Protein backbone atom coordinates (compact mmCIF):
# COMPACT_ATOMS: atom_id res chain seq x y z
CA MET A 1 -22.80 10.02 2.43
CA SER A 2 -23.36 11.59 5.74
CA THR A 3 -21.45 13.65 7.92
CA LEU A 4 -21.47 11.02 10.80
CA ASP A 5 -20.26 8.77 8.17
CA VAL A 6 -16.99 10.72 7.35
CA ALA A 7 -16.16 11.28 10.86
CA ALA A 8 -16.44 7.44 11.26
CA GLY A 9 -13.85 6.91 8.60
CA ARG A 10 -11.74 9.78 9.63
CA ALA A 11 -11.72 8.43 13.39
CA PHE A 12 -11.36 4.77 12.25
CA PHE A 13 -8.66 5.68 9.41
CA MET A 14 -6.28 7.93 12.63
CA ASP A 15 -6.49 5.02 14.89
CA LEU A 16 -5.29 2.58 12.57
CA GLN A 17 -2.00 4.70 11.67
CA GLN A 18 -1.69 5.08 15.32
CA ARG A 19 -1.92 1.38 15.77
CA ILE A 20 0.20 0.29 13.07
CA MET A 21 3.52 2.89 14.29
CA ALA A 22 2.60 1.58 17.60
CA ALA A 23 3.72 -1.79 15.91
CA VAL A 24 6.74 -0.43 14.42
CA VAL A 25 8.23 1.35 17.36
CA GLY A 26 7.95 -2.10 19.19
CA ILE A 27 9.91 -3.89 16.51
CA ASP A 28 12.14 -1.90 15.96
CA GLY A 29 12.79 0.58 18.94
CA LYS A 30 13.16 4.18 17.62
CA ALA A 31 10.07 6.44 17.76
CA PRO A 32 8.72 8.01 14.33
CA VAL A 33 8.62 11.80 13.44
CA SER A 34 5.52 12.69 13.43
CA ASP A 35 4.57 15.46 10.87
CA ALA A 36 0.80 17.04 11.01
CA TRP A 37 0.06 19.30 7.92
CA THR A 38 -2.95 21.45 6.74
CA LYS A 39 -3.74 22.40 2.95
CA PRO A 40 -4.93 25.98 3.71
CA PRO A 41 -7.62 27.78 1.58
CA GLY A 42 -6.83 28.87 -1.79
CA GLU A 43 -4.68 25.71 -2.71
CA MET A 44 -6.03 23.09 -5.35
CA LEU A 45 -6.54 20.91 -2.03
CA GLN A 46 -8.06 21.34 1.17
CA GLY A 47 -7.70 19.44 4.10
CA ASP A 48 -5.22 18.06 6.73
CA GLY A 49 -3.18 14.42 7.34
CA LEU A 50 -0.25 13.63 9.69
CA THR A 51 2.70 11.72 8.52
CA MET A 52 4.54 9.44 10.38
CA ILE A 53 7.86 8.12 9.38
CA LEU A 54 11.03 6.07 11.06
CA GLU A 55 14.26 6.61 9.19
CA ASP A 56 17.37 4.62 9.72
CA GLY A 57 15.95 2.48 12.39
CA ALA A 58 17.70 -0.68 13.83
CA VAL A 59 14.97 -2.82 11.69
CA PHE A 60 13.38 -0.68 9.48
CA GLU A 61 15.87 1.98 6.95
CA ARG A 62 12.45 3.36 6.03
CA ALA A 63 9.19 2.98 7.38
CA GLY A 64 6.09 5.29 6.57
CA CYS A 65 2.74 5.43 7.41
CA GLY A 66 0.12 8.62 6.18
CA PHE A 67 -2.85 9.42 7.11
CA SER A 68 -4.78 12.36 4.96
CA HIS A 69 -8.26 13.72 4.66
CA VAL A 70 -8.88 16.34 1.64
CA ARG A 71 -11.48 18.17 -0.25
CA GLY A 72 -11.32 18.98 -3.83
CA PRO A 73 -13.46 20.92 -6.31
CA LYS A 74 -12.74 18.29 -9.38
CA LEU A 75 -11.76 14.84 -9.05
CA PRO A 76 -8.57 14.13 -11.09
CA PRO A 77 -8.32 11.86 -14.24
CA SER A 78 -7.13 8.99 -12.11
CA ALA A 79 -10.03 8.62 -10.10
CA THR A 80 -12.58 8.93 -12.83
CA GLN A 81 -11.17 6.72 -15.56
CA HIS A 82 -13.21 3.87 -14.33
CA ARG A 83 -16.47 6.36 -13.36
CA PRO A 84 -16.57 9.21 -16.62
CA GLU A 85 -19.78 10.32 -15.11
CA LEU A 86 -18.17 11.55 -12.29
CA ALA A 87 -15.97 13.70 -14.34
CA GLY A 88 -15.54 17.19 -12.84
CA ALA A 89 -17.75 16.56 -9.79
CA PRO A 90 -16.14 18.13 -5.97
CA PHE A 91 -15.22 15.09 -3.76
CA GLU A 92 -13.76 14.38 -0.40
CA ALA A 93 -10.92 11.15 0.03
CA MET A 94 -9.34 9.65 3.37
CA GLY A 95 -7.46 6.92 4.17
CA VAL A 96 -4.02 5.62 5.22
CA SER A 97 -1.58 4.31 3.36
CA LEU A 98 1.99 2.71 4.09
CA VAL A 99 5.42 0.97 3.06
CA PHE A 100 7.75 -0.69 5.18
CA HIS A 101 11.36 -1.15 3.74
CA PRO A 102 13.31 -3.13 6.38
CA ARG A 103 17.20 -2.62 6.50
CA ASN A 104 17.68 -7.00 6.27
CA PRO A 105 17.22 -7.98 2.88
CA TYR A 106 15.79 -11.35 3.92
CA ALA A 107 12.84 -9.41 5.42
CA PRO A 108 10.38 -7.97 2.92
CA THR A 109 9.02 -4.85 2.11
CA VAL A 110 5.50 -4.38 2.36
CA HIS A 111 2.49 -2.03 1.16
CA MET A 112 -0.75 -1.29 2.72
CA ASN A 113 -3.18 1.42 1.64
CA VAL A 114 -6.85 1.64 2.60
CA ARG A 115 -9.25 5.16 1.39
CA MET A 116 -12.32 6.32 0.80
CA ILE A 117 -13.98 8.71 -1.48
CA MET A 118 -16.67 10.37 -2.01
CA ALA A 119 -18.08 12.34 -4.88
CA LYS A 120 -21.18 14.64 -5.42
CA PRO A 121 -22.26 14.94 -9.16
CA GLU A 122 -24.32 18.06 -10.59
CA THR A 123 -27.26 15.44 -10.65
CA GLY A 124 -28.01 12.51 -8.35
CA GLU A 125 -27.26 11.39 -5.34
CA PRO A 126 -23.72 11.69 -3.78
CA VAL A 127 -21.23 8.14 -4.22
CA ALA A 128 -18.97 6.47 -2.14
CA TRP A 129 -16.28 3.81 -3.07
CA PHE A 130 -13.54 2.12 -1.65
CA GLY A 131 -9.87 0.30 -2.39
CA GLY A 132 -7.23 -0.49 -1.10
CA GLY A 133 -5.43 -3.88 -0.34
CA MET A 134 -1.80 -4.91 0.98
CA ASP A 135 1.10 -6.75 -1.05
CA LEU A 136 4.16 -8.40 0.11
CA THR A 137 7.60 -7.70 -1.93
CA PRO A 138 10.69 -9.96 -1.03
CA VAL A 139 14.08 -9.90 -2.02
CA TYR A 140 14.61 -13.36 -0.89
CA GLY A 141 11.47 -15.31 -1.26
CA PHE A 142 10.36 -17.74 1.64
CA GLU A 143 7.15 -19.94 0.73
CA GLU A 144 6.10 -20.24 4.61
CA ASP A 145 6.57 -16.20 4.73
CA ALA A 146 3.90 -15.99 1.18
CA VAL A 147 1.43 -18.63 2.58
CA HIS A 148 0.93 -16.90 5.96
CA PHE A 149 0.39 -13.48 4.49
CA HIS A 150 -1.77 -14.70 1.66
CA ALA A 151 -3.93 -16.76 4.28
CA GLN A 152 -4.42 -13.92 6.42
CA CYS A 153 -5.60 -12.03 3.42
CA GLN A 154 -7.74 -14.56 2.79
CA LYS A 155 -8.88 -14.50 6.56
CA ALA A 156 -9.66 -11.14 5.96
CA LEU A 157 -12.27 -11.19 3.19
CA ALA A 158 -13.73 -14.59 4.11
CA PRO A 159 -16.87 -13.14 5.88
CA PHE A 160 -17.54 -11.13 2.87
CA GLY A 161 -18.35 -13.52 0.60
CA ALA A 162 -15.68 -16.73 -1.13
CA ASP A 163 -15.39 -15.01 -4.44
CA LYS A 164 -13.57 -11.89 -2.91
CA TYR A 165 -10.28 -13.18 -1.89
CA PRO A 166 -9.64 -15.08 -5.41
CA ARG A 167 -10.72 -12.07 -7.18
CA PHE A 168 -8.95 -9.54 -5.27
CA LYS A 169 -5.78 -11.66 -5.16
CA THR A 170 -5.77 -11.99 -9.11
CA TRP A 171 -6.53 -8.06 -9.23
CA CYS A 172 -3.69 -7.58 -6.71
CA ASP A 173 -1.39 -9.96 -9.35
CA GLU A 174 -2.18 -7.72 -12.46
CA TYR A 175 -2.29 -4.30 -10.71
CA PHE A 176 1.17 -4.83 -9.19
CA PHE A 177 2.52 -5.71 -12.32
CA LEU A 178 5.56 -3.78 -14.42
CA LYS A 179 4.56 -3.71 -17.94
CA HIS A 180 7.45 -2.54 -18.77
CA ARG A 181 9.57 -5.07 -17.66
CA GLY A 182 7.20 -7.96 -17.68
CA GLU A 183 7.54 -8.40 -14.39
CA PRO A 184 5.18 -8.65 -10.77
CA ARG A 185 6.56 -6.50 -8.30
CA GLY A 186 6.30 -8.95 -5.62
CA ILE A 187 4.22 -12.15 -4.47
CA GLY A 188 1.15 -9.97 -4.35
CA GLY A 189 -1.57 -10.20 -1.61
CA VAL A 190 -5.12 -8.44 -2.22
CA PHE A 191 -5.96 -5.59 -4.14
CA PHE A 192 -9.29 -3.61 -4.46
CA ASP A 193 -10.93 -0.53 -6.41
CA ASP A 194 -13.55 1.53 -7.20
CA PHE A 195 -15.62 -0.82 -4.91
CA ASN A 196 -19.27 -0.11 -3.16
CA GLU A 197 -21.10 -3.57 -4.36
CA LEU A 198 -21.79 -4.60 -0.68
CA GLY A 199 -23.20 -1.09 -0.31
CA MET A 200 -21.26 1.67 1.89
CA GLN A 201 -21.34 -0.12 5.00
CA ARG A 202 -21.03 -3.33 4.37
CA SER A 203 -17.99 -2.39 2.07
CA PHE A 204 -16.71 0.15 4.21
CA GLU A 205 -16.37 -3.40 6.94
CA MET A 206 -14.64 -5.18 4.57
CA LEU A 207 -12.08 -2.69 3.92
CA GLN A 208 -11.68 -2.48 8.08
CA SER A 209 -11.17 -6.25 8.39
CA VAL A 210 -8.44 -5.83 5.55
CA ALA A 211 -6.76 -2.88 7.78
CA ASP A 212 -7.06 -5.31 10.87
CA HIS A 213 -5.55 -7.73 9.19
CA PHE A 214 -2.19 -6.03 7.79
CA LEU A 215 -0.72 -6.14 11.25
CA PRO A 216 -1.16 -10.00 11.64
CA ALA A 217 -0.18 -10.84 8.38
CA TYR A 218 3.25 -8.64 8.38
CA GLU A 219 5.08 -8.52 11.91
CA PRO A 220 5.23 -12.63 12.13
CA ILE A 221 7.56 -12.23 9.18
CA VAL A 222 9.53 -9.16 9.76
CA ARG A 223 10.10 -10.56 13.31
CA ARG A 224 11.07 -14.05 11.91
CA ARG A 225 13.45 -12.40 9.57
CA LYS A 226 14.99 -9.06 11.02
CA ASP A 227 17.99 -10.69 12.42
CA THR A 228 18.93 -13.10 9.80
CA PRO A 229 22.70 -12.85 8.92
CA TYR A 230 23.45 -11.19 5.53
CA GLY A 231 26.70 -9.47 3.31
CA GLU A 232 27.25 -7.02 0.61
CA ARG A 233 25.84 -9.39 -1.90
CA GLU A 234 22.73 -9.65 -0.13
CA ARG A 235 22.66 -6.00 0.41
CA ASP A 236 23.51 -4.87 -3.44
CA PHE A 237 20.47 -7.05 -4.52
CA GLN A 238 18.29 -5.86 -2.26
CA LEU A 239 19.40 -1.98 -3.34
CA TYR A 240 18.78 -3.55 -6.93
CA ARG A 241 15.68 -4.56 -6.36
CA ARG A 242 14.11 -1.83 -4.54
CA GLY A 243 14.96 0.08 -7.62
CA ARG A 244 12.15 -1.87 -9.25
CA TYR A 245 10.03 -0.83 -6.51
CA VAL A 246 10.47 3.02 -7.69
CA GLU A 247 9.58 2.58 -10.82
CA PHE A 248 6.40 1.00 -10.29
CA ASN A 249 5.65 3.37 -8.04
CA LEU A 250 6.29 6.26 -10.27
CA VAL A 251 5.22 5.08 -13.55
CA TRP A 252 2.05 2.82 -12.61
CA ASP A 253 0.82 3.28 -9.34
CA ARG A 254 -2.66 4.94 -9.38
CA GLY A 255 -2.35 6.23 -5.44
CA THR A 256 0.78 7.96 -6.58
CA HIS A 257 -0.77 9.82 -9.53
CA PHE A 258 -3.90 10.80 -8.00
CA GLY A 259 -2.09 12.53 -5.43
CA LEU A 260 0.26 14.19 -7.38
CA GLN A 261 -2.53 15.36 -10.37
CA SER A 262 -4.81 16.87 -7.65
CA GLY A 263 -2.11 18.60 -5.73
CA GLY A 264 -1.49 16.69 -2.76
CA ARG A 265 1.22 16.88 -0.52
CA THR A 266 4.76 15.90 -2.16
CA GLU A 267 6.63 14.87 0.71
CA SER A 268 3.69 12.19 1.90
CA ILE A 269 2.89 10.83 -1.57
CA LEU A 270 6.15 9.83 -1.80
CA LEU A 271 6.97 8.62 1.40
CA SER A 272 6.91 4.69 -0.14
CA MET A 273 10.50 5.29 -1.82
CA PRO A 274 13.04 3.74 -0.06
CA LEU A 275 15.78 5.33 1.63
CA HIS A 276 18.64 3.86 -0.91
CA CYS A 277 18.21 1.76 -4.34
CA SER A 278 20.16 1.45 -7.25
CA TRP A 279 19.80 0.13 -10.92
CA SER A 280 22.43 -2.37 -13.15
CA TYR A 281 22.25 -2.22 -16.65
CA ARG A 282 20.92 -6.05 -17.44
CA ARG A 283 21.78 -7.98 -14.74
CA GLU A 284 20.84 -11.38 -14.62
CA ASP A 285 21.38 -13.68 -11.86
CA PRO A 286 21.91 -17.60 -12.93
CA PRO A 287 18.28 -19.09 -11.70
CA ASP A 288 19.84 -21.80 -9.22
CA SER A 289 21.25 -18.67 -7.34
CA PRO A 290 19.67 -17.28 -4.15
CA GLU A 291 19.20 -14.57 -6.24
CA GLY A 292 17.55 -16.05 -9.32
CA ARG A 293 15.22 -17.87 -7.24
CA LEU A 294 13.38 -15.13 -6.52
CA LEU A 295 12.09 -14.37 -10.05
CA ARG A 296 12.00 -18.62 -10.92
CA ASP A 297 9.99 -19.38 -7.89
CA PHE A 298 8.17 -16.17 -6.51
CA LEU A 299 7.45 -13.90 -9.27
CA ILE A 300 5.37 -15.90 -11.35
CA GLY A 301 1.98 -15.29 -9.90
CA ARG A 302 1.32 -18.36 -7.86
CA ASP A 303 -1.35 -19.38 -5.84
CA TRP A 304 -0.15 -19.50 -2.34
CA VAL A 305 -3.19 -20.97 0.07
């Protein structure tokens, strides 16, 4: 990958972060903290990034969006499990990752990540691949929200082949799954990884389209739900469901593992964690209760569009 391509990727990701956080401020009204960072020479990784995070806002209890651009002498194991021929190769990686945890239990948590990784093996040409996607994690499910979110995901991928949405939707359902619980994390979206089958330029354009459809997918939902009345019962269930989110991120998420294994910045890697969460021993909600409907009607791998 040429220097020009790296510069174009960096420019896109930095602009994406600013656009998304401007929308967050428009919804919430509170300005985020901007924390620029660098990894100096001598550490495992070198590079820089910008973490933007809003906490204790009127709408978002925690909304973090991070840009990073790092270089390292050796790809970590989480990045080469599908590409063993690149084990030990120097690499460069950049991208944007976000998780928004709304205050209102009726407004869903959302995650998006878009990234590109470049590696230079000892023999052969440099290799670049792309990954990411977005997914929705409601506490109380609404069919119209799920349909809207998935319709935007489908729209983002339509120009790149009719196979992409159903394929990446299934990939998302399989990836964001708590194997130790036998339970999906949310109602999914789309997810892809180690992707370069359309060629470098077209694959990057696909990634850009997914990123550019994030706000149209999520903003109408959070605006629709942010002022819904709720009480202690809904808040208790929200904190309990957030515990599942934490479990997935720490136990199964490849992005978290990549960042920690490669010596990344811990504060930025863990910006996906909620401000508050809880666990309950063997909690069971009646299937016909508002809480039980989440497992009964939404966390079942449905086709929404």
